[in-house]
Amino acid sequence: MKNELQNALDELFTEKLIPFKLIAHIVAAEGETYTVRFFDSRLHSMRFSWEGNIPFKEAVRAAVFDRVKRMSPIERYRDRASRHKQTSQHPNTLD
């Protein structure tokens, strides 16, 4: 469970959907509620529910994305990442 959760976190960061890398240190489950503790000053912990109706990894991705979105200007971050990707693919040339 912890490995799958960390893979989802890594994917979100690699895909530039969250602006900082998160490392899950403790994952605890109580029924359908999961608590994840991070060693990060921006996000100490979070809780989410998973009922098994979607893959666990997708539930993690949605919960983390939503939590980070509420605490940061993620849309501006995504726009900035998108512009960076475009300029790196099409560098300015001098005539």
PDB file of N, CA and C in Angstrom:
ATOM      1  N   MET A   1       0.827  -1.192   0.000  1.00  0.00           N
ATOM      2  CA  MET A   1       0.000   0.000   0.000  1.00  0.00           C
ATOM      3  C   MET A   1       0.870   1.255   0.000  1.00  0.00           C
ATOM      4  N   LYS A   2       1.892   1.299   0.863  1.00  0.00           N
ATOM      5  CA  LYS A   2       2.746   2.485   0.932  1.00  0.00           C
ATOM      6  C   LYS A   2       3.503   2.684  -0.381  1.00  0.00           C
ATOM      7  N   ASN A   3       3.973   1.600  -0.990  1.00  0.00           N
ATOM      8  CA  ASN A   3       4.693   1.717  -2.262  1.00  0.00           C
ATOM      9  C   ASN A   3       3.795   2.253  -3.370  1.00  0.00           C
ATOM     10  N   GLU A   4       2.579   1.754  -3.442  1.00  0.00           N
ATOM     11  CA  GLU A   4       1.644   2.226  -4.467  1.00  0.00           C
ATOM     12  C   GLU A   4       1.309   3.693  -4.249  1.00  0.00           C
ATOM     13  N   LEU A   5       1.144   4.083  -2.998  1.00  0.00           N
ATOM     14  CA  LEU A   5       0.865   5.471  -2.670  1.00  0.00           C
ATOM     15  C   LEU A   5       2.043   6.349  -3.076  1.00  0.00           C
ATOM     16  N   GLN A   6       3.267   5.923  -2.755  1.00  0.00           N
ATOM     17  CA  GLN A   6       4.447   6.717  -3.121  1.00  0.00           C
ATOM     18  C   GLN A   6       4.607   6.812  -4.632  1.00  0.00           C
ATOM     19  N   ASN A   7       4.302   5.743  -5.341  1.00  0.00           N
ATOM     20  CA  ASN A   7       4.352   5.797  -6.810  1.00  0.00           C
ATOM     21  C   ASN A   7       3.395   6.850  -7.350  1.00  0.00           C
ATOM     22  N   ALA A   8       2.215   6.936  -6.777  1.00  0.00           N
ATOM     23  CA  ALA A   8       1.235   7.939  -7.208  1.00  0.00           C
ATOM     24  C   ALA A   8       1.761   9.347  -6.922  1.00  0.00           C
ATOM     25  N   LEU A   9       2.375   9.545  -5.757  1.00  0.00           N
ATOM     26  CA  LEU A   9       2.954  10.853  -5.417  1.00  0.00           C
ATOM     27  C   LEU A   9       4.060  11.228  -6.394  1.00  0.00           C
ATOM     28  N   ASP A  10       4.918  10.270  -6.685  1.00  0.00           N
ATOM     29  CA  ASP A  10       6.025  10.520  -7.615  1.00  0.00           C
ATOM     30  C   ASP A  10       5.511  10.881  -9.008  1.00  0.00           C
ATOM     31  N   GLU A  11       4.480  10.194  -9.454  1.00  0.00           N
ATOM     32  CA  GLU A  11       3.898  10.483 -10.767  1.00  0.00           C
ATOM     33  C   GLU A  11       3.324  11.894 -10.814  1.00  0.00           C
ATOM     34  N   LEU A  12       2.607  12.300  -9.772  1.00  0.00           N
ATOM     35  CA  LEU A  12       2.044  13.646  -9.744  1.00  0.00           C
ATOM     36  C   LEU A  12       3.133  14.702  -9.874  1.00  0.00           C
ATOM     37  N   PHE A  13       4.247  14.510  -9.177  1.00  0.00           N
ATOM     38  CA  PHE A  13       5.344  15.465  -9.240  1.00  0.00           C
ATOM     39  C   PHE A  13       6.025  15.424 -10.611  1.00  0.00           C
ATOM     40  N   THR A  14       6.286  14.242 -11.125  1.00  0.00           N
ATOM     41  CA  THR A  14       6.940  14.083 -12.430  1.00  0.00           C
ATOM     42  C   THR A  14       6.094  14.698 -13.544  1.00  0.00           C
ATOM     43  N   GLU A  15       4.785  14.540 -13.442  1.00  0.00           N
ATOM     44  CA  GLU A  15       3.866  15.089 -14.442  1.00  0.00           C
ATOM     45  C   GLU A  15       3.600  16.579 -14.220  1.00  0.00           C
ATOM     46  N   LYS A  16       4.266  17.163 -13.219  1.00  0.00           N
ATOM     47  CA  LYS A  16       4.131  18.580 -12.863  1.00  0.00           C
ATOM     48  C   LYS A  16       2.696  18.960 -12.498  1.00  0.00           C
ATOM     49  N   LEU A  17       1.991  18.033 -11.877  1.00  0.00           N
ATOM     50  CA  LEU A  17       0.635  18.311 -11.413  1.00  0.00           C
ATOM     51  C   LEU A  17       0.621  18.819  -9.981  1.00  0.00           C
ATOM     52  N   ILE A  18       1.714  18.611  -9.254  1.00  0.00           N
ATOM     53  CA  ILE A  18       1.900  19.231  -7.942  1.00  0.00           C
ATOM     54  C   ILE A  18       3.258  19.916  -7.962  1.00  0.00           C
ATOM     55  N   PRO A  19       3.397  21.051  -7.264  1.00  0.00           N
ATOM     56  CA  PRO A  19       4.619  21.854  -7.376  1.00  0.00           C
ATOM     57  C   PRO A  19       5.796  21.414  -6.507  1.00  0.00           C
ATOM     58  N   PHE A  20       5.626  20.397  -5.696  1.00  0.00           N
ATOM     59  CA  PHE A  20       6.729  19.933  -4.860  1.00  0.00           C
ATOM     60  C   PHE A  20       6.613  18.436  -4.636  1.00  0.00           C
ATOM     61  N   LYS A  21       7.768  17.813  -4.393  1.00  0.00           N
ATOM     62  CA  LYS A  21       7.819  16.365  -4.191  1.00  0.00           C
ATOM     63  C   LYS A  21       7.372  16.031  -2.772  1.00  0.00           C
ATOM     64  N   LEU A  22       6.556  15.016  -2.646  1.00  0.00           N
ATOM     65  CA  LEU A  22       6.110  14.539  -1.338  1.00  0.00           C
ATOM     66  C   LEU A  22       6.597  13.118  -1.126  1.00  0.00           C
ATOM     67  N   ILE A  23       7.009  12.830   0.096  1.00  0.00           N
ATOM     68  CA  ILE A  23       7.421  11.479   0.456  1.00  0.00           C
ATOM     69  C   ILE A  23       6.573  11.026   1.632  1.00  0.00           C
ATOM     70  N   ALA A  24       5.843   9.951   1.428  1.00  0.00           N
ATOM     71  CA  ALA A  24       4.989   9.387   2.478  1.00  0.00           C
ATOM     72  C   ALA A  24       5.857   8.579   3.441  1.00  0.00           C
ATOM     73  N   HIS A  25       5.799   8.931   4.717  1.00  0.00           N
ATOM     74  CA  HIS A  25       6.581   8.196   5.708  1.00  0.00           C
ATOM     75  C   HIS A  25       5.720   7.243   6.521  1.00  0.00           C
ATOM     76  N   ILE A  26       4.494   7.630   6.783  1.00  0.00           N
ATOM     77  CA  ILE A  26       3.593   6.768   7.541  1.00  0.00           C
ATOM     78  C   ILE A  26       2.242   6.754   6.827  1.00  0.00           C
ATOM     79  N   VAL A  27       1.723   5.576   6.607  1.00  0.00           N
ATOM     80  CA  VAL A  27       0.385   5.418   6.030  1.00  0.00           C
ATOM     81  C   VAL A  27      -0.403   4.528   6.977  1.00  0.00           C
ATOM     82  N   ALA A  28      -1.519   5.049   7.450  1.00  0.00           N
ATOM     83  CA  ALA A  28      -2.361   4.290   8.369  1.00  0.00           C
ATOM     84  C   ALA A  28      -3.775   4.214   7.811  1.00  0.00           C
ATOM     85  N   ALA A  29      -4.393   3.053   7.964  1.00  0.00           N
ATOM     86  CA  ALA A  29      -5.760   2.859   7.483  1.00  0.00           C
ATOM     87  C   ALA A  29      -6.667   2.500   8.645  1.00  0.00           C
ATOM     88  N   GLU A  30      -7.819   3.165   8.668  1.00  0.00           N
ATOM     89  CA  GLU A  30      -8.888   2.832   9.617  1.00  0.00           C
ATOM     90  C   GLU A  30     -10.143   2.655   8.793  1.00  0.00           C
ATOM     91  N   GLY A  31     -10.459   1.433   8.478  1.00  0.00           N
ATOM     92  CA  GLY A  31     -11.608   1.170   7.612  1.00  0.00           C
ATOM     93  C   GLY A  31     -11.342   1.725   6.230  1.00  0.00           C
ATOM     94  N   GLU A  32     -12.188   2.653   5.783  1.00  0.00           N
ATOM     95  CA  GLU A  32     -12.048   3.250   4.460  1.00  0.00           C
ATOM     96  C   GLU A  32     -11.285   4.573   4.488  1.00  0.00           C
ATOM     97  N   THR A  33     -10.836   5.008   5.667  1.00  0.00           N
ATOM     98  CA  THR A  33     -10.126   6.275   5.812  1.00  0.00           C
ATOM     99  C   THR A  33      -8.630   6.027   5.951  1.00  0.00           C
ATOM    100  N   TYR A  34      -7.869   6.729   5.134  1.00  0.00           N
ATOM    101  CA  TYR A  34      -6.416   6.599   5.138  1.00  0.00           C
ATOM    102  C   TYR A  34      -5.796   7.918   5.592  1.00  0.00           C
ATOM    103  N   THR A  35      -4.809   7.824   6.462  1.00  0.00           N
ATOM    104  CA  THR A  35      -4.043   8.982   6.903  1.00  0.00           C
ATOM    105  C   THR A  35      -2.619   8.799   6.420  1.00  0.00           C
ATOM    106  N   VAL A  36      -2.112   9.826   5.769  1.00  0.00           N
ATOM    107  CA  VAL A  36      -0.742   9.800   5.252  1.00  0.00           C
ATOM    108  C   VAL A  36       0.027  10.916   5.934  1.00  0.00           C
ATOM    109  N   ARG A  37       1.166  10.572   6.512  1.00  0.00           N
ATOM    110  CA  ARG A  37       2.024  11.568   7.154  1.00  0.00           C
ATOM    111  C   ARG A  37       3.270  11.765   6.300  1.00  0.00           C
ATOM    112  N   PHE A  38       3.591  13.053   6.105  1.00  0.00           N
ATOM    113  CA  PHE A  38       4.748  13.450   5.311  1.00  0.00           C
ATOM    114  C   PHE A  38       5.745  14.176   6.202  1.00  0.00           C
ATOM    115  N   PHE A  39       7.007  14.135   5.846  1.00  0.00           N
ATOM    116  CA  PHE A  39       8.011  14.999   6.462  1.00  0.00           C
ATOM    117  C   PHE A  39       8.212  16.165   5.512  1.00  0.00           C
ATOM    118  N   ASP A  40       7.284  17.099   5.544  1.00  0.00           N
ATOM    119  CA  ASP A  40       7.324  18.244   4.650  1.00  0.00           C
ATOM    120  C   ASP A  40       6.685  19.427   5.365  1.00  0.00           C
ATOM    121  N   SER A  41       7.336  20.558   5.327  1.00  0.00           N
ATOM    122  CA  SER A  41       6.821  21.729   6.034  1.00  0.00           C
ATOM    123  C   SER A  41       5.563  22.301   5.385  1.00  0.00           C
ATOM    124  N   ARG A  42       5.337  22.012   4.111  1.00  0.00           N
ATOM    125  CA  ARG A  42       4.153  22.542   3.432  1.00  0.00           C
ATOM    126  C   ARG A  42       2.918  21.701   3.661  1.00  0.00           C
ATOM    127  N   LEU A  43       3.107  20.416   3.832  1.00  0.00           N
ATOM    128  CA  LEU A  43       1.977  19.506   4.035  1.00  0.00           C
ATOM    129  C   LEU A  43       2.431  18.411   4.998  1.00  0.00           C
ATOM    130  N   HIS A  44       1.940  18.490   6.222  1.00  0.00           N
ATOM    131  CA  HIS A  44       2.356  17.534   7.254  1.00  0.00           C
ATOM    132  C   HIS A  44       1.640  16.192   7.121  1.00  0.00           C
ATOM    133  N   SER A  45       0.340  16.250   6.836  1.00  0.00           N
ATOM    134  CA  SER A  45      -0.439  15.021   6.710  1.00  0.00           C
ATOM    135  C   SER A  45      -1.714  15.308   5.940  1.00  0.00           C
ATOM    136  N   MET A  46      -2.370  14.241   5.551  1.00  0.00           N
ATOM    137  CA  MET A  46      -3.674  14.374   4.891  1.00  0.00           C
ATOM    138  C   MET A  46      -4.461  13.096   5.088  1.00  0.00           C
ATOM    139  N   ARG A  47      -5.767  13.214   4.963  1.00  0.00           N
ATOM    140  CA  ARG A  47      -6.664  12.058   5.053  1.00  0.00           C
ATOM    141  C   ARG A  47      -7.504  11.986   3.795  1.00  0.00           C
ATOM    142  N   PHE A  48      -7.819  10.766   3.421  1.00  0.00           N
ATOM    143  CA  PHE A  48      -8.733  10.577   2.300  1.00  0.00           C
ATOM    144  C   PHE A  48      -9.455   9.256   2.489  1.00  0.00           C
ATOM    145  N   SER A  49     -10.574   9.135   1.801  1.00  0.00           N
ATOM    146  CA  SER A  49     -11.370   7.907   1.865  1.00  0.00           C
ATOM    147  C   SER A  49     -11.216   7.143   0.563  1.00  0.00           C
ATOM    148  N   TRP A  50     -11.214   5.826   0.707  1.00  0.00           N
ATOM    149  CA  TRP A  50     -11.181   4.946  -0.456  1.00  0.00           C
ATOM    150  C   TRP A  50     -12.100   3.775  -0.176  1.00  0.00           C
ATOM    151  N   GLU A  51     -13.119   3.649  -1.005  1.00  0.00           N
ATOM    152  CA  GLU A  51     -14.121   2.602  -0.808  1.00  0.00           C
ATOM    153  C   GLU A  51     -13.870   1.391  -1.701  1.00  0.00           C
ATOM    154  N   GLY A  52     -12.873   1.455  -2.557  1.00  0.00           N
ATOM    155  CA  GLY A  52     -12.569   0.329  -3.429  1.00  0.00           C
ATOM    156  C   GLY A  52     -13.280   0.360  -4.763  1.00  0.00           C
ATOM    157  N   ASN A  53     -14.070   1.409  -5.023  1.00  0.00           N
ATOM    158  CA  ASN A  53     -14.809   1.468  -6.279  1.00  0.00           C
ATOM    159  C   ASN A  53     -13.956   1.976  -7.441  1.00  0.00           C
ATOM    160  N   ILE A  54     -12.792   2.569  -7.151  1.00  0.00           N
ATOM    161  CA  ILE A  54     -11.813   2.957  -8.165  1.00  0.00           C
ATOM    162  C   ILE A  54     -10.452   2.419  -7.706  1.00  0.00           C
ATOM    163  N   PRO A  55      -9.487   2.324  -8.597  1.00  0.00           N
ATOM    164  CA  PRO A  55      -8.169   1.845  -8.158  1.00  0.00           C
ATOM    165  C   PRO A  55      -7.577   2.740  -7.061  1.00  0.00           C
ATOM    166  N   PHE A  56      -6.881   2.114  -6.120  1.00  0.00           N
ATOM    167  CA  PHE A  56      -6.280   2.835  -4.993  1.00  0.00           C
ATOM    168  C   PHE A  56      -5.397   3.984  -5.476  1.00  0.00           C
ATOM    169  N   LYS A  57      -4.585   3.714  -6.469  1.00  0.00           N
ATOM    170  CA  LYS A  57      -3.668   4.733  -6.992  1.00  0.00           C
ATOM    171  C   LYS A  57      -4.420   5.958  -7.502  1.00  0.00           C
ATOM    172  N   GLU A  58      -5.541   5.752  -8.164  1.00  0.00           N
ATOM    173  CA  GLU A  58      -6.340   6.872  -8.666  1.00  0.00           C
ATOM    174  C   GLU A  58      -6.964   7.663  -7.514  1.00  0.00           C
ATOM    175  N   ALA A  59      -7.379   6.969  -6.476  1.00  0.00           N
ATOM    176  CA  ALA A  59      -7.930   7.653  -5.300  1.00  0.00           C
ATOM    177  C   ALA A  59      -6.858   8.518  -4.641  1.00  0.00           C
ATOM    178  N   VAL A  60      -5.640   8.001  -4.553  1.00  0.00           N
ATOM    179  CA  VAL A  60      -4.518   8.760  -3.982  1.00  0.00           C
ATOM    180  C   VAL A  60      -4.237   9.985  -4.828  1.00  0.00           C
ATOM    181  N   ARG A  61      -4.116   9.801  -6.126  1.00  0.00           N
ATOM    182  CA  ARG A  61      -3.823  10.927  -7.026  1.00  0.00           C
ATOM    183  C   ARG A  61      -4.866  12.027  -6.888  1.00  0.00           C
ATOM    184  N   ALA A  62      -6.136  11.654  -6.892  1.00  0.00           N
ATOM    185  CA  ALA A  62      -7.208  12.648  -6.789  1.00  0.00           C
ATOM    186  C   ALA A  62      -7.162  13.368  -5.443  1.00  0.00           C
ATOM    187  N   ALA A  63      -6.959  12.620  -4.366  1.00  0.00           N
ATOM    188  CA  ALA A  63      -6.948  13.213  -3.030  1.00  0.00           C
ATOM    189  C   ALA A  63      -5.765  14.159  -2.847  1.00  0.00           C
ATOM    190  N   VAL A  64      -4.586  13.749  -3.284  1.00  0.00           N
ATOM    191  CA  VAL A  64      -3.394  14.592  -3.137  1.00  0.00           C
ATOM    192  C   VAL A  64      -3.516  15.829  -4.009  1.00  0.00           C
ATOM    193  N   PHE A  65      -3.916  15.656  -5.249  1.00  0.00           N
ATOM    194  CA  PHE A  65      -4.076  16.799  -6.143  1.00  0.00           C
ATOM    195  C   PHE A  65      -5.053  17.809  -5.552  1.00  0.00           C
ATOM    196  N   ASP A  66      -6.180  17.328  -5.058  1.00  0.00           N
ATOM    197  CA  ASP A  66      -7.182  18.218  -4.470  1.00  0.00           C
ATOM    198  C   ASP A  66      -6.634  18.932  -3.239  1.00  0.00           C
ATOM    199  N   ARG A  67      -5.921  18.214  -2.395  1.00  0.00           N
ATOM    200  CA  ARG A  67      -5.373  18.812  -1.161  1.00  0.00           C
ATOM    201  C   ARG A  67      -4.329  19.874  -1.478  1.00  0.00           C
ATOM    202  N   VAL A  68      -3.422  19.592  -2.398  1.00  0.00           N
ATOM    203  CA  VAL A  68      -2.389  20.561  -2.757  1.00  0.00           C
ATOM    204  C   VAL A  68      -3.018  21.756  -3.473  1.00  0.00           C
ATOM    205  N   LYS A  69      -4.008  21.507  -4.290  1.00  0.00           N
ATOM    206  CA  LYS A  69      -4.694  22.587  -5.012  1.00  0.00           C
ATOM    207  C   LYS A  69      -5.314  23.588  -4.033  1.00  0.00           C
ATOM    208  N   ARG A  70      -5.855  23.094  -2.935  1.00  0.00           N
ATOM    209  CA  ARG A  70      -6.470  23.981  -1.949  1.00  0.00           C
ATOM    210  C   ARG A  70      -5.452  24.825  -1.192  1.00  0.00           C
ATOM    211  N   MET A  71      -4.200  24.422  -1.176  1.00  0.00           N
ATOM    212  CA  MET A  71      -3.205  25.155  -0.397  1.00  0.00           C
ATOM    213  C   MET A  71      -2.251  25.998  -1.233  1.00  0.00           C
ATOM    214  N   SER A  72      -2.289  25.876  -2.555  1.00  0.00           N
ATOM    215  CA  SER A  72      -1.330  26.606  -3.377  1.00  0.00           C
ATOM    216  C   SER A  72      -1.980  27.073  -4.675  1.00  0.00           C
ATOM    217  N   PRO A  73      -1.358  28.044  -5.306  1.00  0.00           N
ATOM    218  CA  PRO A  73      -1.877  28.512  -6.605  1.00  0.00           C
ATOM    219  C   PRO A  73      -1.485  27.531  -7.706  1.00  0.00           C
ATOM    220  N   ILE A  74      -2.044  26.332  -7.648  1.00  0.00           N
ATOM    221  CA  ILE A  74      -1.622  25.253  -8.542  1.00  0.00           C
ATOM    222  C   ILE A  74      -1.904  25.566 -10.011  1.00  0.00           C
ATOM    223  N   GLU A  75      -2.958  26.285 -10.302  1.00  0.00           N
ATOM    224  CA  GLU A  75      -3.251  26.602 -11.700  1.00  0.00           C
ATOM    225  C   GLU A  75      -2.138  27.456 -12.286  1.00  0.00           C
ATOM    226  N   ARG A  76      -1.640  28.416 -11.507  1.00  0.00           N
ATOM    227  CA  ARG A  76      -0.527  29.228 -11.996  1.00  0.00           C
ATOM    228  C   ARG A  76       0.707  28.360 -12.176  1.00  0.00           C
ATOM    229  N   TYR A  77       0.924  27.420 -11.258  1.00  0.00           N
ATOM    230  CA  TYR A  77       2.069  26.521 -11.377  1.00  0.00           C
ATOM    231  C   TYR A  77       1.958  25.696 -12.655  1.00  0.00           C
ATOM    232  N   ARG A  78       0.778  25.140 -12.909  1.00  0.00           N
ATOM    233  CA  ARG A  78       0.588  24.317 -14.103  1.00  0.00           C
ATOM    234  C   ARG A  78       0.791  25.147 -15.364  1.00  0.00           C
ATOM    235  N   ASP A  79       0.293  26.405 -15.368  1.00  0.00           N
ATOM    236  CA  ASP A  79       0.496  27.270 -16.525  1.00  0.00           C
ATOM    237  C   ASP A  79       1.985  27.527 -16.752  1.00  0.00           C
ATOM    238  N   ARG A  80       2.705  27.801 -15.665  1.00  0.00           N
ATOM    239  CA  ARG A  80       4.140  28.055 -15.754  1.00  0.00           C
ATOM    240  C   ARG A  80       4.864  26.817 -16.288  1.00  0.00           C
ATOM    241  N   ALA A  81       4.493  25.637 -15.788  1.00  0.00           N
ATOM    242  CA  ALA A  81       5.117  24.389 -16.241  1.00  0.00           C
ATOM    243  C   ALA A  81       4.818  24.162 -17.715  1.00  0.00           C
ATOM    244  N   SER A  82       3.608  24.470 -18.137  1.00  0.00           N
ATOM    245  CA  SER A  82       3.224  24.298 -19.534  1.00  0.00           C
ATOM    246  C   SER A  82       4.031  25.232 -20.429  1.00  0.00           C
ATOM    247  N   ARG A  83       4.185  26.488 -20.009  1.00  0.00           N
ATOM    248  CA  ARG A  83       4.980  27.435 -20.803  1.00  0.00           C
ATOM    249  C   ARG A  83       6.427  26.987 -20.876  1.00  0.00           C
ATOM    250  N   HIS A  84       6.970  26.488 -19.766  1.00  0.00           N
ATOM    251  CA  HIS A  84       8.356  26.018 -19.755  1.00  0.00           C
ATOM    252  C   HIS A  84       8.526  24.850 -20.731  1.00  0.00           C
ATOM    253  N   LYS A  85       7.580  23.956 -20.730  1.00  0.00           N
ATOM    254  CA  LYS A  85       7.648  22.791 -21.617  1.00  0.00           C
ATOM    255  C   LYS A  85       7.624  23.245 -23.077  1.00  0.00           C
ATOM    256  N   GLN A  86       6.780  24.242 -23.398  1.00  0.00           N
ATOM    257  CA  GLN A  86       6.686  24.724 -24.770  1.00  0.00           C
ATOM    258  C   GLN A  86       7.977  25.404 -25.205  1.00  0.00           C
ATOM    259  N   THR A  87       8.568  26.219 -24.332  1.00  0.00           N
ATOM    260  CA  THR A  87       9.788  26.929 -24.717  1.00  0.00           C
ATOM    261  C   THR A  87      10.970  25.989 -24.816  1.00  0.00           C
ATOM    262  N   SER A  88      10.988  24.924 -24.026  1.00  0.00           N
ATOM    263  CA  SER A  88      12.101  23.979 -24.128  1.00  0.00           C
ATOM    264  C   SER A  88      11.989  23.135 -25.399  1.00  0.00           C
ATOM    265  N   GLN A  89      10.771  22.962 -25.903  1.00  0.00           N
ATOM    266  CA  GLN A  89      10.594  22.217 -27.141  1.00  0.00           C
ATOM    267  C   GLN A  89      10.857  23.095 -28.364  1.00  0.00           C
ATOM    268  N   HIS A  90      10.607  24.393 -28.210  1.00  0.00           N
ATOM    269  CA  HIS A  90      10.772  25.348 -29.322  1.00  0.00           C
ATOM    270  C   HIS A  90      11.616  26.524 -28.840  1.00  0.00           C
ATOM    271  N   PRO A  91      12.919  26.324 -28.698  1.00  0.00           N
ATOM    272  CA  PRO A  91      13.748  27.423 -28.192  1.00  0.00           C
ATOM    273  C   PRO A  91      13.759  28.594 -29.162  1.00  0.00           C
ATOM    274  N   ASN A  92      13.912  29.771 -28.602  1.00  0.00           N
ATOM    275  CA  ASN A  92      13.990  30.971 -29.434  1.00  0.00           C
ATOM    276  C   ASN A  92      15.239  30.918 -30.286  1.00  0.00           C
ATOM    277  N   THR A  93      15.101  31.327 -31.508  1.00  0.00           N
ATOM    278  CA  THR A  93      16.262  31.363 -32.402  1.00  0.00           C
ATOM    279  C   THR A  93      16.464  32.785 -32.855  1.00  0.00           C
ATOM    280  N   LEU A  94      17.678  33.135 -33.112  1.00  0.00           N
ATOM    281  CA  LEU A  94      17.999  34.470 -33.630  1.00  0.00           C
ATOM    282  C   LEU A  94      18.087  34.394 -35.154  1.00  0.00           C
ATOM    283  N   ASP A  95      17.516  35.395 -35.805  1.00  0.00           N
ATOM    284  CA  ASP A  95      17.567  35.436 -37.275  1.00  0.00           C
ATOM    285  C   ASP A  95      18.832  36.096 -37.750  1.00  0.00           C
TER     286      ASP A  95
END
